[in-house]
PDB file of N, CA and C in Angstrom:
ATOM      1  N   MET A   1    -108.715 -78.993-105.383  1.00  0.00           N
ATOM      2  CA  MET A   1    -107.724 -78.322-104.553  1.00  0.00           C
ATOM      3  C   MET A   1    -108.117 -76.844-104.436  1.00  0.00           C
ATOM      4  N   GLU A   2    -108.163 -76.357-103.215  1.00  0.00           N
ATOM      5  CA  GLU A   2    -108.553 -74.967-102.963  1.00  0.00           C
ATOM      6  C   GLU A   2    -107.500 -74.000-103.498  1.00  0.00           C
ATOM      7  N   LYS A   3    -107.976 -72.929-104.136  1.00  0.00           N
ATOM      8  CA  LYS A   3    -107.088 -71.879-104.655  1.00  0.00           C
ATOM      9  C   LYS A   3    -106.918 -70.813-103.579  1.00  0.00           C
ATOM     10  N   PHE A   4    -105.710 -70.350-103.399  1.00  0.00           N
ATOM     11  CA  PHE A   4    -105.427 -69.280-102.449  1.00  0.00           C
ATOM     12  C   PHE A   4    -104.982 -68.046-103.223  1.00  0.00           C
ATOM     13  N   SER A   5    -105.430 -66.903-102.774  1.00  0.00           N
ATOM     14  CA  SER A   5    -104.993 -65.627-103.348  1.00  0.00           C
ATOM     15  C   SER A   5    -104.089 -64.947-102.337  1.00  0.00           C
ATOM     16  N   PRO A   6    -102.770 -65.143-102.475  1.00  0.00           N
ATOM     17  CA  PRO A   6    -101.868 -64.571-101.482  1.00  0.00           C
ATOM     18  C   PRO A   6    -101.885 -63.047-101.504  1.00  0.00           C
ATOM     19  N   THR A   7    -101.788 -62.477-100.323  1.00  0.00           N
ATOM     20  CA  THR A   7    -101.679 -61.032-100.173  1.00  0.00           C
ATOM     21  C   THR A   7    -100.285 -60.585-100.600  1.00  0.00           C
ATOM     22  N   ARG A   8     -99.294 -61.404-100.256  1.00  0.00           N
ATOM     23  CA  ARG A   8     -97.897 -61.111-100.603  1.00  0.00           C
ATOM     24  C   ARG A   8     -97.189 -62.408-100.936  1.00  0.00           C
ATOM     25  N   THR A   9     -96.086 -62.282-101.684  1.00  0.00           N
ATOM     26  CA  THR A   9     -95.226 -63.418-102.016  1.00  0.00           C
ATOM     27  C   THR A   9     -93.818 -63.089-101.555  1.00  0.00           C
ATOM     28  N   LEU A  10     -93.171 -64.076-100.943  1.00  0.00           N
ATOM     29  CA  LEU A  10     -91.811 -63.914-100.436  1.00  0.00           C
ATOM     30  C   LEU A  10     -90.958 -65.046-100.991  1.00  0.00           C
ATOM     31  N   ASP A  11     -89.966 -64.697-101.799  1.00  0.00           N
ATOM     32  CA  ASP A  11     -89.084 -65.698-102.407  1.00  0.00           C
ATOM     33  C   ASP A  11     -87.857 -65.863-101.516  1.00  0.00           C
ATOM     34  N   LEU A  12     -87.797 -66.996-100.817  1.00  0.00           N
ATOM     35  CA  LEU A  12     -86.686 -67.283 -99.906  1.00  0.00           C
ATOM     36  C   LEU A  12     -85.783 -68.390-100.443  1.00  0.00           C
ATOM     37  N   ARG A  13     -85.853 -68.653-101.730  1.00  0.00           N
ATOM     38  CA  ARG A  13     -84.964 -69.654-102.309  1.00  0.00           C
ATOM     39  C   ARG A  13     -83.534 -69.134-102.211  1.00  0.00           C
ATOM     40  N   GLY A  14     -82.647 -70.001-101.749  1.00  0.00           N
ATOM     41  CA  GLY A  14     -81.249 -69.624-101.594  1.00  0.00           C
ATOM     42  C   GLY A  14     -80.936 -68.938-100.270  1.00  0.00           C
ATOM     43  N   VAL A  15     -81.957 -68.707 -99.443  1.00  0.00           N
ATOM     44  CA  VAL A  15     -81.758 -68.076 -98.130  1.00  0.00           C
ATOM     45  C   VAL A  15     -81.663 -69.180 -97.092  1.00  0.00           C
ATOM     46  N   ARG A  16     -80.620 -69.120 -96.276  1.00  0.00           N
ATOM     47  CA  ARG A  16     -80.356 -70.193 -95.295  1.00  0.00           C
ATOM     48  C   ARG A  16     -81.104 -69.970 -93.991  1.00  0.00           C
ATOM     49  N   CYS A  17     -81.264 -71.064 -93.247  1.00  0.00           N
ATOM     50  CA  CYS A  17     -81.842 -71.017 -91.904  1.00  0.00           C
ATOM     51  C   CYS A  17     -80.824 -70.385 -90.956  1.00  0.00           C
ATOM     52  N   PRO A  18     -81.221 -69.625 -89.984  1.00  0.00           N
ATOM     53  CA  PRO A  18     -82.580 -69.212 -89.627  1.00  0.00           C
ATOM     54  C   PRO A  18     -83.010 -67.902 -90.280  1.00  0.00           C
ATOM     55  N   VAL A  19     -82.203 -67.367 -91.200  1.00  0.00           N
ATOM     56  CA  VAL A  19     -82.529 -66.075 -91.816  1.00  0.00           C
ATOM     57  C   VAL A  19     -83.858 -66.154 -92.568  1.00  0.00           C
ATOM     58  N   ASN A  20     -84.136 -67.280 -93.219  1.00  0.00           N
ATOM     59  CA  ASN A  20     -85.386 -67.407 -93.971  1.00  0.00           C
ATOM     60  C   ASN A  20     -86.601 -67.309 -93.041  1.00  0.00           C
ATOM     61  N   PHE A  21     -86.528 -67.927 -91.870  1.00  0.00           N
ATOM     62  CA  PHE A  21     -87.636 -67.819 -90.916  1.00  0.00           C
ATOM     63  C   PHE A  21     -87.795 -66.385 -90.431  1.00  0.00           C
ATOM     64  N   VAL A  22     -86.687 -65.724 -90.126  1.00  0.00           N
ATOM     65  CA  VAL A  22     -86.741 -64.337 -89.647  1.00  0.00           C
ATOM     66  C   VAL A  22     -87.388 -63.439 -90.705  1.00  0.00           C
ATOM     67  N   LYS A  23     -87.013 -63.601 -91.945  1.00  0.00           N
ATOM     68  CA  LYS A  23     -87.596 -62.789 -93.027  1.00  0.00           C
ATOM     69  C   LYS A  23     -89.087 -63.075 -93.177  1.00  0.00           C
ATOM     70  N   ALA A  24     -89.479 -64.331 -93.069  1.00  0.00           N
ATOM     71  CA  ALA A  24     -90.899 -64.681 -93.149  1.00  0.00           C
ATOM     72  C   ALA A  24     -91.668 -64.061 -91.984  1.00  0.00           C
ATOM     73  N   GLN A  25     -91.100 -64.131 -90.786  1.00  0.00           N
ATOM     74  CA  GLN A  25     -91.769 -63.586 -89.602  1.00  0.00           C
ATOM     75  C   GLN A  25     -91.917 -62.071 -89.710  1.00  0.00           C
ATOM     76  N   VAL A  26     -90.886 -61.379 -90.161  1.00  0.00           N
ATOM     77  CA  VAL A  26     -90.951 -59.918 -90.320  1.00  0.00           C
ATOM     78  C   VAL A  26     -92.025 -59.555 -91.344  1.00  0.00           C
ATOM     79  N   THR A  27     -92.088 -60.293 -92.438  1.00  0.00           N
ATOM     80  CA  THR A  27     -93.109 -60.027 -93.459  1.00  0.00           C
ATOM     81  C   THR A  27     -94.507 -60.232 -92.881  1.00  0.00           C
ATOM     82  N   LEU A  28     -94.709 -61.304 -92.135  1.00  0.00           N
ATOM     83  CA  LEU A  28     -96.018 -61.554 -91.534  1.00  0.00           C
ATOM     84  C   LEU A  28     -96.398 -60.459 -90.540  1.00  0.00           C
ATOM     85  N   GLU A  29     -95.422 -59.922 -89.818  1.00  0.00           N
ATOM     86  CA  GLU A  29     -95.713 -58.852 -88.863  1.00  0.00           C
ATOM     87  C   GLU A  29     -96.245 -57.606 -89.563  1.00  0.00           C
ATOM     88  N   GLU A  30     -95.881 -57.415 -90.823  1.00  0.00           N
ATOM     89  CA  GLU A  30     -96.317 -56.254 -91.597  1.00  0.00           C
ATOM     90  C   GLU A  30     -97.710 -56.465 -92.206  1.00  0.00           C
ATOM     91  N   MET A  31     -98.247 -57.675 -92.099  1.00  0.00           N
ATOM     92  CA  MET A  31     -99.515 -58.024 -92.728  1.00  0.00           C
ATOM     93  C   MET A  31    -100.649 -58.000 -91.706  1.00  0.00           C
ATOM     94  N   GLU A  32    -101.880 -58.025 -92.192  1.00  0.00           N
ATOM     95  CA  GLU A  32    -103.071 -58.035 -91.347  1.00  0.00           C
ATOM     96  C   GLU A  32    -103.467 -59.475 -91.016  1.00  0.00           C
ATOM     97  N   ASP A  33    -104.150 -59.652 -89.888  1.00  0.00           N
ATOM     98  CA  ASP A  33    -104.674 -60.972 -89.544  1.00  0.00           C
ATOM     99  C   ASP A  33    -105.545 -61.499 -90.678  1.00  0.00           C
ATOM    100  N   GLY A  34    -105.358 -62.762 -91.001  1.00  0.00           N
ATOM    101  CA  GLY A  34    -106.140 -63.397 -92.054  1.00  0.00           C
ATOM    102  C   GLY A  34    -105.508 -63.295 -93.429  1.00  0.00           C
ATOM    103  N   ASP A  35    -104.524 -62.405 -93.596  1.00  0.00           N
ATOM    104  CA  ASP A  35    -103.819 -62.306 -94.878  1.00  0.00           C
ATOM    105  C   ASP A  35    -103.050 -63.595 -95.143  1.00  0.00           C
ATOM    106  N   ILE A  36    -102.831 -63.882 -96.415  1.00  0.00           N
ATOM    107  CA  ILE A  36    -102.108 -65.096 -96.803  1.00  0.00           C
ATOM    108  C   ILE A  36    -100.775 -64.709 -97.430  1.00  0.00           C
ATOM    109  N   LEU A  37     -99.712 -65.321 -96.892  1.00  0.00           N
ATOM    110  CA  LEU A  37     -98.365 -65.128 -97.405  1.00  0.00           C
ATOM    111  C   LEU A  37     -97.951 -66.380 -98.174  1.00  0.00           C
ATOM    112  N   GLU A  38     -97.516 -66.187 -99.407  1.00  0.00           N
ATOM    113  CA  GLU A  38     -96.965 -67.266-100.222  1.00  0.00           C
ATOM    114  C   GLU A  38     -95.444 -67.195-100.077  1.00  0.00           C
ATOM    115  N   ILE A  39     -94.835 -68.308 -99.668  1.00  0.00           N
ATOM    116  CA  ILE A  39     -93.390 -68.357 -99.454  1.00  0.00           C
ATOM    117  C   ILE A  39     -92.800 -69.420-100.372  1.00  0.00           C
ATOM    118  N   LEU A  40     -91.749 -69.060-101.104  1.00  0.00           N
ATOM    119  CA  LEU A  40     -91.028 -70.012-101.932  1.00  0.00           C
ATOM    120  C   LEU A  40     -89.791 -70.451-101.168  1.00  0.00           C
ATOM    121  N   LEU A  41     -89.644 -71.767-100.998  1.00  0.00           N
ATOM    122  CA  LEU A  41     -88.575 -72.334-100.161  1.00  0.00           C
ATOM    123  C   LEU A  41     -87.821 -73.437-100.880  1.00  0.00           C
ATOM    124  N   ASP A  42     -86.559 -73.581-100.512  1.00  0.00           N
ATOM    125  CA  ASP A  42     -85.766 -74.709-100.976  1.00  0.00           C
ATOM    126  C   ASP A  42     -86.138 -75.963-100.188  1.00  0.00           C
ATOM    127  N   GLU A  43     -85.827 -77.112-100.784  1.00  0.00           N
ATOM    128  CA  GLU A  43     -86.014 -78.400-100.127  1.00  0.00           C
ATOM    129  C   GLU A  43     -85.014 -78.533 -98.983  1.00  0.00           C
ATOM    130  N   GLY A  44     -85.247 -79.483 -98.099  1.00  0.00           N
ATOM    131  CA  GLY A  44     -84.306 -79.769 -97.018  1.00  0.00           C
ATOM    132  C   GLY A  44     -84.608 -78.972 -95.763  1.00  0.00           C
ATOM    133  N   GLU A  45     -83.554 -78.437 -95.161  1.00  0.00           N
ATOM    134  CA  GLU A  45     -83.688 -77.730 -93.890  1.00  0.00           C
ATOM    135  C   GLU A  45     -84.713 -76.594 -93.935  1.00  0.00           C
ATOM    136  N   PRO A  46     -84.720 -75.741 -94.971  1.00  0.00           N
ATOM    137  CA  PRO A  46     -85.737 -74.679 -95.007  1.00  0.00           C
ATOM    138  C   PRO A  46     -87.167 -75.233 -94.985  1.00  0.00           C
ATOM    139  N   LEU A  47     -87.416 -76.279 -95.755  1.00  0.00           N
ATOM    140  CA  LEU A  47     -88.755 -76.855 -95.812  1.00  0.00           C
ATOM    141  C   LEU A  47     -89.143 -77.521 -94.491  1.00  0.00           C
ATOM    142  N   ARG A  48     -88.173 -78.067 -93.782  1.00  0.00           N
ATOM    143  CA  ARG A  48     -88.461 -78.684 -92.482  1.00  0.00           C
ATOM    144  C   ARG A  48     -88.689 -77.634 -91.399  1.00  0.00           C
ATOM    145  N   ASN A  49     -87.876 -76.578 -91.399  1.00  0.00           N
ATOM    146  CA  ASN A  49     -87.870 -75.649 -90.273  1.00  0.00           C
ATOM    147  C   ASN A  49     -88.841 -74.483 -90.383  1.00  0.00           C
ATOM    148  N   VAL A  50     -88.952 -73.870 -91.551  1.00  0.00           N
ATOM    149  CA  VAL A  50     -89.772 -72.658 -91.666  1.00  0.00           C
ATOM    150  C   VAL A  50     -91.249 -72.935 -91.361  1.00  0.00           C
ATOM    151  N   PRO A  51     -91.890 -73.925 -91.991  1.00  0.00           N
ATOM    152  CA  PRO A  51     -93.310 -74.158 -91.658  1.00  0.00           C
ATOM    153  C   PRO A  51     -93.519 -74.494 -90.183  1.00  0.00           C
ATOM    154  N   ARG A  52     -92.644 -75.314 -89.633  1.00  0.00           N
ATOM    155  CA  ARG A  52     -92.780 -75.697 -88.222  1.00  0.00           C
ATOM    156  C   ARG A  52     -92.658 -74.472 -87.320  1.00  0.00           C
ATOM    157  N   SER A  53     -91.673 -73.624 -87.588  1.00  0.00           N
ATOM    158  CA  SER A  53     -91.452 -72.440 -86.760  1.00  0.00           C
ATOM    159  C   SER A  53     -92.614 -71.457 -86.885  1.00  0.00           C
ATOM    160  N   LEU A  54     -93.137 -71.270 -88.090  1.00  0.00           N
ATOM    161  CA  LEU A  54     -94.281 -70.367 -88.266  1.00  0.00           C
ATOM    162  C   LEU A  54     -95.513 -70.903 -87.545  1.00  0.00           C
ATOM    163  N   LYS A  55     -95.723 -72.209 -87.616  1.00  0.00           N
ATOM    164  CA  LYS A  55     -96.840 -72.823 -86.894  1.00  0.00           C
ATOM    165  C   LYS A  55     -96.670 -72.632 -85.391  1.00  0.00           C
ATOM    166  N   ASP A  56     -95.454 -72.808 -84.900  1.00  0.00           N
ATOM    167  CA  ASP A  56     -95.172 -72.598 -83.475  1.00  0.00           C
ATOM    168  C   ASP A  56     -95.472 -71.165 -83.050  1.00  0.00           C
ATOM    169  N   GLU A  57     -95.357 -70.209 -83.991  1.00  0.00           N
ATOM    170  CA  GLU A  57     -95.651 -68.797 -83.712  1.00  0.00           C
ATOM    171  C   GLU A  57     -97.154 -68.513 -83.781  1.00  0.00           C
ATOM    172  N   GLY A  58     -97.952 -69.516 -84.139  1.00  0.00           N
ATOM    173  CA  GLY A  58     -99.400 -69.358 -84.145  1.00  0.00           C
ATOM    174  C   GLY A  58    -100.031 -69.149 -85.507  1.00  0.00           C
ATOM    175  N   HIS A  59     -99.217 -69.183 -86.572  1.00  0.00           N
ATOM    176  CA  HIS A  59     -99.753 -68.995 -87.914  1.00  0.00           C
ATOM    177  C   HIS A  59    -100.264 -70.330 -88.456  1.00  0.00           C
ATOM    178  N   GLU A  60    -101.158 -70.258 -89.429  1.00  0.00           N
ATOM    179  CA  GLU A  60    -101.775 -71.461 -89.985  1.00  0.00           C
ATOM    180  C   GLU A  60    -101.116 -71.818 -91.318  1.00  0.00           C
ATOM    181  N   ILE A  61    -100.590 -73.029 -91.401  1.00  0.00           N
ATOM    182  CA  ILE A  61    -100.022 -73.529 -92.653  1.00  0.00           C
ATOM    183  C   ILE A  61    -101.182 -74.098 -93.463  1.00  0.00           C
ATOM    184  N   LEU A  62    -101.479 -73.460 -94.585  1.00  0.00           N
ATOM    185  CA  LEU A  62    -102.627 -73.863 -95.391  1.00  0.00           C
ATOM    186  C   LEU A  62    -102.282 -74.976 -96.367  1.00  0.00           C
ATOM    187  N   ARG A  63    -101.116 -74.860 -96.988  1.00  0.00           N
ATOM    188  CA  ARG A  63    -100.721 -75.891 -97.964  1.00  0.00           C
ATOM    189  C   ARG A  63     -99.246 -75.752 -98.290  1.00  0.00           C
ATOM    190  N   VAL A  64     -98.629 -76.897 -98.607  1.00  0.00           N
ATOM    191  CA  VAL A  64     -97.259 -76.943 -99.095  1.00  0.00           C
ATOM    192  C   VAL A  64     -97.301 -77.679-100.432  1.00  0.00           C
ATOM    193  N   GLU A  65     -96.745 -77.043-101.470  1.00  0.00           N
ATOM    194  CA  GLU A  65     -96.754 -77.637-102.808  1.00  0.00           C
ATOM    195  C   GLU A  65     -95.326 -77.860-103.298  1.00  0.00           C
ATOM    196  N   ASN A  66     -95.080 -79.043-103.840  1.00  0.00           N
ATOM    197  CA  ASN A  66     -93.794 -79.352-104.459  1.00  0.00           C
ATOM    198  C   ASN A  66     -93.855 -78.874-105.909  1.00  0.00           C
ATOM    199  N   LEU A  67     -92.982 -77.925-106.260  1.00  0.00           N
ATOM    200  CA  LEU A  67     -92.948 -77.386-107.617  1.00  0.00           C
ATOM    201  C   LEU A  67     -91.708 -77.848-108.385  1.00  0.00           C
ATOM    202  N   GLY A  68     -91.158 -78.975-107.950  1.00  0.00           N
ATOM    203  CA  GLY A  68     -89.992 -79.541-108.634  1.00  0.00           C
ATOM    204  C   GLY A  68     -88.699 -79.142-107.969  1.00  0.00           C
ATOM    205  N   ASP A  69     -88.151 -77.981-108.333  1.00  0.00           N
ATOM    206  CA  ASP A  69     -86.877 -77.517-107.769  1.00  0.00           C
ATOM    207  C   ASP A  69     -87.038 -76.784-106.451  1.00  0.00           C
ATOM    208  N   TYR A  70     -88.267 -76.443-106.090  1.00  0.00           N
ATOM    209  CA  TYR A  70     -88.520 -75.719-104.853  1.00  0.00           C
ATOM    210  C   TYR A  70     -89.951 -75.983-104.398  1.00  0.00           C
ATOM    211  N   TYR A  71     -90.309 -75.416-103.256  1.00  0.00           N
ATOM    212  CA  TYR A  71     -91.633 -75.612-102.677  1.00  0.00           C
ATOM    213  C   TYR A  71     -92.325 -74.274-102.490  1.00  0.00           C
ATOM    214  N   ARG A  72     -93.671 -74.327-102.556  1.00  0.00           N
ATOM    215  CA  ARG A  72     -94.485 -73.143-102.294  1.00  0.00           C
ATOM    216  C   ARG A  72     -95.315 -73.425-101.050  1.00  0.00           C
ATOM    217  N   LEU A  73     -95.249 -72.511-100.110  1.00  0.00           N
ATOM    218  CA  LEU A  73     -95.924 -72.635 -98.827  1.00  0.00           C
ATOM    219  C   LEU A  73     -96.931 -71.499 -98.712  1.00  0.00           C
ATOM    220  N   PHE A  74     -98.165 -71.814 -98.334  1.00  0.00           N
ATOM    221  CA  PHE A  74     -99.186 -70.796 -98.082  1.00  0.00           C
ATOM    222  C   PHE A  74     -99.434 -70.736 -96.583  1.00  0.00           C
ATOM    223  N   VAL A  75     -99.305 -69.529 -96.021  1.00  0.00           N
ATOM    224  CA  VAL A  75     -99.437 -69.328 -94.574  1.00  0.00           C
ATOM    225  C   VAL A  75    -100.476 -68.241 -94.324  1.00  0.00           C
ATOM    226  N   ARG A  76    -101.447 -68.518 -93.443  1.00  0.00           N
ATOM    227  CA  ARG A  76    -102.403 -67.496 -93.023  1.00  0.00           C
ATOM    228  C   ARG A  76    -101.909 -66.872 -91.729  1.00  0.00           C
ATOM    229  N   LYS A  77    -101.829 -65.535 -91.720  1.00  0.00           N
ATOM    230  CA  LYS A  77    -101.338 -64.830 -90.537  1.00  0.00           C
ATOM    231  C   LYS A  77    -102.393 -64.869 -89.429  1.00  0.00           C
ATOM    232  N   ASN A  78    -101.933 -65.213 -88.251  1.00  0.00           N
ATOM    233  CA  ASN A  78    -102.727 -65.150 -87.044  1.00  0.00           C
ATOM    234  C   ASN A  78    -101.890 -64.431 -86.001  1.00  0.00           C
ATOM    235  N   SER A  79    -102.424 -63.364 -85.449  1.00  0.00           N
ATOM    236  CA  SER A  79    -101.700 -62.665 -84.378  1.00  0.00           C
ATOM    237  C   SER A  79    -101.782 -63.489 -83.107  1.00  0.00           C
ATOM    238  N   PRO A  80    -100.735 -63.402 -82.279  1.00  0.00           N
ATOM    239  CA  PRO A  80    -100.793 -64.131 -81.017  1.00  0.00           C
ATOM    240  C   PRO A  80    -101.938 -63.628 -80.165  1.00  0.00           C
ATOM    241  N   LYS A  81    -102.562 -64.551 -79.468  1.00  0.00           N
ATOM    242  CA  LYS A  81    -103.654 -64.186 -78.555  1.00  0.00           C
ATOM    243  C   LYS A  81    -103.071 -63.449 -77.361  1.00  0.00           C
ATOM    244  N   LYS A  82    -103.716 -62.375 -76.989  1.00  0.00           N
ATOM    245  CA  LYS A  82    -103.286 -61.607 -75.823  1.00  0.00           C
ATOM    246  C   LYS A  82    -103.846 -62.254 -74.567  1.00  0.00           C
ATOM    247  N   GLU A  83    -102.983 -62.438 -73.588  1.00  0.00           N
ATOM    248  CA  GLU A  83    -103.408 -63.017 -72.325  1.00  0.00           C
ATOM    249  C   GLU A  83    -103.807 -61.903 -71.376  1.00  0.00           C
ATOM    250  N   GLY A  84    -104.773 -62.211 -70.525  1.00  0.00           N
ATOM    251  CA  GLY A  84    -105.132 -61.214 -69.532  1.00  0.00           C
ATOM    252  C   GLY A  84    -106.532 -61.076 -69.426  1.00  0.00           C
TER     253      GLY A  84
END
């Protein structure tokens, strides 16, 4: 299993949708392209929605790990491609 060295960690356990996605997106906006964000998420709606929404924004979901009471998500930041 590949090891990731996250640039930042964001603990969103206990944070409800859609606030958890907004916080993740704001954190990614502060990071450089290629940086890795480690996100801690609760099971259920957060785990279903946050990775999907980040992927829809163009970021790469590297891995999702079940840590028992919560999940760890690794996301590589990708800036949106500029059209023109």
